[in-house]
Structure formats: structure tokens, C-alpha cells
Amino acid sequence: DPEEASGWVAYIRDRYGAGAVPIWSVGNEQWNVIEPGGCALRPRKYVERFHRFSKAMRQADPDTKLIASGGDALTSARWNEEIIRGIGSAMDLFSLHLYMPAWSPLRSRVGDSLGDYYAIAAAGLALEEQIQLIEEMALRLLGTSLPIAVDEWNILGPLRRFTNPYQTQREAIGVAGIIHALHRQAKYVKIAAMFATALPPPAERDSRPTK
């Protein structure tokens, strides 16, 4: 609830100093039907929730920056429109999570075909399209650009490999394209975080020298 969120902000402030955690997300993927306690298909509920949480959290630290839970620009366009319209400048960043090449990880069935290769290689272009669509919507609704946090992104094969993505040259090409896209769109993208980076096999980890 908002009081608990405010309590966490105050705890971090008092324990580690002002600005130790400068940015907080108000919920994760609130558009997602599998997100516990989310607001799937009810964007106005999330708008109301965001305003309640932001008021409480900013009372604990007025300098706190907050990320609103945005969705895929193609499949969640209605959600995004309600969030941008209802929250507007009250958010500091708009969250975009994207796993390529599928728009939905639940439907991802990446194989070894030439088409799969091309889709992954073009992942950066698809991400750029998403960013541009969100910015076009922000300009239409707010009259200004909207800072974006691409705070979950990766190349994803089948969902069972969600926390251990494939790591071949094909995926490396896709990741390189995404990083280039983030640089090209740095005017809008202010935060980017890759999820998940797989660990090396145990044998390789165990053989590494320790400090």
C-alpha cells in the first residue's frame, strides 16, 4: 500500500542518505494479466493507484523520481494512452519492457529458421519503432516528449529459457542492434536494463580466480 511504499523510501533515505535510490517504479507490468495484484485491462485503476503512491512516496522524499508502468506500443496501445493521459507530467519516466523477437514472450517460439535469424537481427529496429510510437502518442496527448525507461529487455527464445537466454552469435547480433537503437534514441531513453544475463556454467564459474 502507499504507506508501506512511503516507509521504504524513508528507510532508504534515513539509512543510506538522500538520493541513495533516486528512482522507484510504481508497480511492475501492471498491464500484465499474470502480475499479482496488477491492474490488467483496468488502466484507470492504475492511474488512480499511481497518484496515491506518488503522493505518499514524494512526501517521504520530494526528490524521488517515479516510473509509471507502460506497455508494448502495439499490443497495449489503449493502456498506454490511458496512462499517459491520466498521469502525464506526474511521472518522471514511462516504462517499456520488450523481449524480442516476439511481441509476447508467452507466444515466443523461436526456432532455427532463416526468418527467426532475421527477426532477431532486426530487434533493434523493432525497439526503435516502439519508442517512436510511444513518443508520437506523448506528443499528441501531452504536447511534449516523454522520458522512457526500457528497464527490461532481451532476446528471448522459449519462455522456459526466460532467465537463461540463448547465447549464440545470432543473439549477440540482436543485442548489438538493440544497444545501437538505445544510443540512437538516447534523447528519449534515459534508463535501460537488460534482463536476464545468464551465468556461465558452474564449471566455468568455479575455475575463475578469486580476489
Protein backbone atom coordinates (compact mmCIF):
# COMPACT_ATOMS: atom_id res chain seq x y z
CA ASP A 1 0.00 0.00 0.00
CA PRO A 2 1.13 3.65 -0.29
CA GLU A 3 2.12 3.82 3.38
CA GLU A 4 4.46 0.84 3.04
CA ALA A 5 5.98 2.30 -0.14
CA SER A 6 6.50 5.62 1.65
CA GLY A 7 8.09 3.72 4.53
CA TRP A 8 10.62 2.10 2.20
CA VAL A 9 11.56 5.46 0.68
CA ALA A 10 12.00 6.93 4.16
CA TYR A 11 14.04 3.93 5.33
CA ILE A 12 16.45 4.18 2.38
CA ARG A 13 16.73 7.94 2.89
CA ASP A 14 17.49 7.63 6.61
CA ARG A 15 19.70 4.53 6.36
CA TYR A 16 21.75 5.37 3.27
CA GLY A 17 21.24 9.08 2.70
CA ALA A 18 19.09 11.20 0.40
CA GLY A 19 19.32 10.11 -3.21
CA ALA A 20 20.71 6.63 -2.45
CA VAL A 21 17.84 5.18 -4.51
CA PRO A 22 16.79 8.09 -6.72
CA ILE A 23 14.26 6.28 -8.92
CA TRP A 24 11.42 3.91 -7.99
CA SER A 25 8.89 2.02 -10.11
CA VAL A 26 5.25 2.22 -9.06
CA GLY A 27 4.41 -1.42 -9.69
CA ASN A 28 5.78 -3.84 -12.26
CA GLU A 29 4.00 -4.55 -15.55
CA GLN A 30 0.62 -3.52 -14.17
CA TRP A 31 -0.91 -4.22 -17.60
CA ASN A 32 0.13 -7.88 -17.37
CA VAL A 33 -2.62 -10.41 -16.56
CA ILE A 34 -0.12 -12.61 -14.68
CA GLU A 35 1.19 -9.82 -12.45
CA PRO A 36 -0.06 -10.42 -8.85
CA GLY A 37 -2.19 -7.53 -7.69
CA GLY A 38 -1.91 -5.80 -11.05
CA CYS A 39 -4.41 -3.68 -12.92
CA ALA A 40 -4.66 -5.63 -16.19
CA LEU A 41 -7.38 -4.28 -18.50
CA ARG A 42 -8.06 -1.53 -15.95
CA PRO A 43 -5.67 1.31 -16.79
CA ARG A 44 -7.74 3.89 -14.95
CA LYS A 45 -7.33 1.86 -11.77
CA TYR A 46 -3.57 2.06 -12.24
CA VAL A 47 -3.73 5.81 -12.86
CA GLU A 48 -5.53 6.25 -9.54
CA ARG A 49 -3.07 3.90 -7.84
CA PHE A 50 -0.07 5.77 -9.25
CA HIS A 51 -1.32 9.11 -7.91
CA ARG A 52 -1.93 7.65 -4.43
CA PHE A 53 1.52 6.04 -4.30
CA SER A 54 3.34 9.05 -5.75
CA LYS A 55 1.81 11.40 -3.18
CA ALA A 56 2.90 9.17 -0.29
CA MET A 57 6.38 8.43 -1.67
CA ARG A 58 7.15 12.06 -2.50
CA GLN A 59 6.12 13.12 0.98
CA ALA A 60 8.93 10.90 2.25
CA ASP A 61 11.37 12.31 -0.31
CA PRO A 62 10.28 15.17 -2.61
CA ASP A 63 13.21 14.47 -4.95
CA THR A 64 12.13 10.89 -5.63
CA LYS A 65 11.65 10.12 -9.33
CA LEU A 66 8.91 7.67 -10.26
CA ILE A 67 8.43 5.30 -13.19
CA ALA A 68 4.91 4.59 -14.46
CA SER A 69 4.11 1.13 -15.82
CA GLY A 70 3.77 1.39 -19.59
CA GLY A 71 3.20 -1.43 -22.04
CA ASP A 72 4.02 -2.60 -25.55
CA ALA A 73 3.29 0.18 -28.03
CA LEU A 74 1.45 -2.18 -30.39
CA THR A 75 -0.43 -4.63 -28.18
CA SER A 76 -1.05 -2.25 -25.24
CA ALA A 77 -1.80 0.98 -27.11
CA ARG A 78 -5.06 1.60 -25.21
CA TRP A 79 -3.32 1.01 -21.88
CA ASN A 80 -0.54 3.43 -22.79
CA GLU A 81 -2.96 6.11 -23.91
CA GLU A 82 -4.89 5.97 -20.62
CA ILE A 83 -1.65 6.04 -18.59
CA ILE A 84 -0.12 8.94 -20.49
CA ARG A 85 -3.38 10.89 -20.46
CA GLY A 86 -4.13 10.20 -16.78
CA ILE A 87 -0.65 10.53 -15.26
CA GLY A 88 1.10 12.92 -17.62
CA SER A 89 3.83 15.01 -16.04
CA ALA A 90 3.28 13.35 -12.65
CA MET A 91 5.53 10.52 -13.89
CA ASP A 92 9.24 11.06 -14.39
CA LEU A 93 9.68 8.08 -16.71
CA PHE A 94 7.48 5.74 -18.71
CA SER A 95 8.41 2.05 -18.51
CA LEU A 96 8.73 -0.17 -21.59
CA HIS A 97 9.52 -3.90 -21.29
CA LEU A 98 10.33 -5.65 -24.54
CA TYR A 99 11.54 -9.15 -25.31
CA MET A 100 12.42 -9.78 -28.93
CA PRO A 101 11.63 -11.11 -31.45
CA ALA A 102 8.12 -11.97 -30.18
CA TRP A 103 5.76 -9.20 -29.03
CA SER A 104 4.62 -11.54 -26.27
CA PRO A 105 7.08 -13.90 -24.52
CA LEU A 106 4.19 -16.28 -23.88
CA ARG A 107 3.89 -16.79 -27.66
CA SER A 108 7.60 -16.92 -28.39
CA ARG A 109 8.51 -19.99 -30.42
CA VAL A 110 11.96 -19.12 -31.73
CA GLY A 111 13.48 -21.85 -33.87
CA ASP A 112 16.49 -22.04 -36.17
CA SER A 113 14.95 -20.81 -39.43
CA LEU A 114 16.31 -18.00 -41.55
CA GLY A 115 13.21 -16.00 -40.65
CA ASP A 116 13.97 -16.38 -36.94
CA TYR A 117 17.51 -15.20 -37.60
CA TYR A 118 16.32 -12.11 -39.48
CA ALA A 119 13.74 -11.30 -36.79
CA ILE A 120 16.40 -11.39 -34.07
CA ALA A 121 18.92 -9.47 -36.17
CA ALA A 122 16.30 -6.72 -36.67
CA ALA A 123 15.41 -6.50 -32.96
CA GLY A 124 16.92 -3.03 -32.64
CA LEU A 125 14.72 -1.67 -35.42
CA ALA A 126 11.62 -3.11 -33.75
CA LEU A 127 12.60 -1.49 -30.45
CA GLU A 128 13.08 1.85 -32.19
CA GLU A 129 9.61 1.56 -33.69
CA GLN A 130 8.19 1.03 -30.20
CA ILE A 131 9.98 4.09 -28.83
CA GLN A 132 8.83 6.26 -31.71
CA LEU A 133 5.20 5.15 -31.34
CA ILE A 134 5.23 5.98 -27.63
CA GLU A 135 6.75 9.40 -28.31
CA GLU A 136 4.22 10.14 -31.04
CA MET A 137 1.44 9.33 -28.56
CA ALA A 138 3.02 11.50 -25.85
CA LEU A 139 3.36 14.41 -28.26
CA ARG A 140 -0.27 14.05 -29.30
CA LEU A 141 -1.61 13.79 -25.75
CA LEU A 142 0.81 15.96 -23.76
CA GLY A 143 2.35 18.22 -26.35
CA THR A 144 5.82 17.16 -25.24
CA SER A 145 8.18 14.18 -25.26
CA LEU A 146 8.17 11.53 -22.54
CA PRO A 147 11.33 10.11 -20.91
CA ILE A 148 11.37 6.33 -21.31
CA ALA A 149 12.86 3.60 -19.12
CA VAL A 150 13.47 0.44 -21.16
CA ASP A 151 14.03 -1.33 -17.85
CA GLU A 152 13.55 -4.90 -19.11
CA TRP A 153 14.81 -6.03 -22.50
CA ASN A 154 16.45 -9.05 -24.05
CA ILE A 155 16.37 -11.56 -26.88
CA LEU A 156 14.04 -14.32 -25.72
CA GLY A 157 13.51 -17.77 -27.16
CA PRO A 158 11.02 -20.12 -25.49
CA LEU A 159 9.65 -18.90 -22.17
CA ARG A 160 11.32 -21.78 -20.31
CA ARG A 161 14.63 -20.03 -21.05
CA PHE A 162 13.42 -16.71 -19.63
CA THR A 163 16.18 -16.48 -17.03
CA ASN A 164 18.76 -18.28 -19.18
CA PRO A 165 18.54 -16.87 -22.72
CA TYR A 166 20.32 -18.41 -25.66
CA GLN A 167 23.82 -17.00 -26.09
CA THR A 168 24.86 -17.57 -29.69
CA GLN A 169 26.21 -15.24 -32.34
CA ARG A 170 22.63 -14.77 -33.51
CA GLU A 171 21.55 -13.35 -30.14
CA ALA A 172 24.73 -11.26 -29.95
CA ILE A 173 23.80 -9.58 -33.24
CA GLY A 174 20.31 -8.85 -31.90
CA VAL A 175 21.64 -7.43 -28.64
CA ALA A 176 24.15 -5.25 -30.50
CA GLY A 177 21.29 -3.88 -32.62
CA ILE A 178 19.26 -3.08 -29.50
CA ILE A 179 22.20 -1.27 -27.88
CA HIS A 180 22.69 0.79 -31.04
CA ALA A 181 18.97 1.62 -31.04
CA LEU A 182 19.16 2.78 -27.42
CA HIS A 183 22.04 5.08 -28.34
CA ARG A 184 20.17 6.46 -31.34
CA GLN A 185 17.10 7.12 -29.18
CA ALA A 186 19.02 8.49 -26.18
CA LYS A 187 17.02 11.71 -26.48
CA TYR A 188 14.07 9.74 -25.13
CA VAL A 189 15.55 6.64 -23.42
CA LYS A 190 17.04 7.66 -20.08
CA ILE A 191 17.33 4.22 -18.44
CA ALA A 192 17.89 0.79 -19.96
CA ALA A 193 18.39 -2.52 -18.16
CA MET A 194 18.97 -5.95 -19.69
CA PHE A 195 17.18 -8.94 -18.15
CA ALA A 196 18.40 -11.58 -17.69
CA THR A 197 22.09 -12.08 -18.28
CA ALA A 198 22.77 -15.78 -17.97
CA LEU A 199 25.55 -17.06 -15.74
CA PRO A 200 28.35 -19.22 -17.17
CA PRO A 201 28.10 -22.98 -16.49
CA PRO A 202 29.09 -23.93 -12.90
CA ALA A 203 32.39 -25.46 -14.04
CA GLU A 204 33.45 -22.16 -15.63
CA ARG A 205 32.38 -20.14 -12.60
CA ASP A 206 34.28 -22.40 -10.24
CA SER A 207 37.50 -22.17 -12.26
CA ARG A 208 37.64 -18.38 -12.20
CA PRO A 209 40.32 -16.85 -9.96
CA THR A 210 39.10 -15.14 -6.81
CA LYS A 211 40.39 -11.92 -5.37
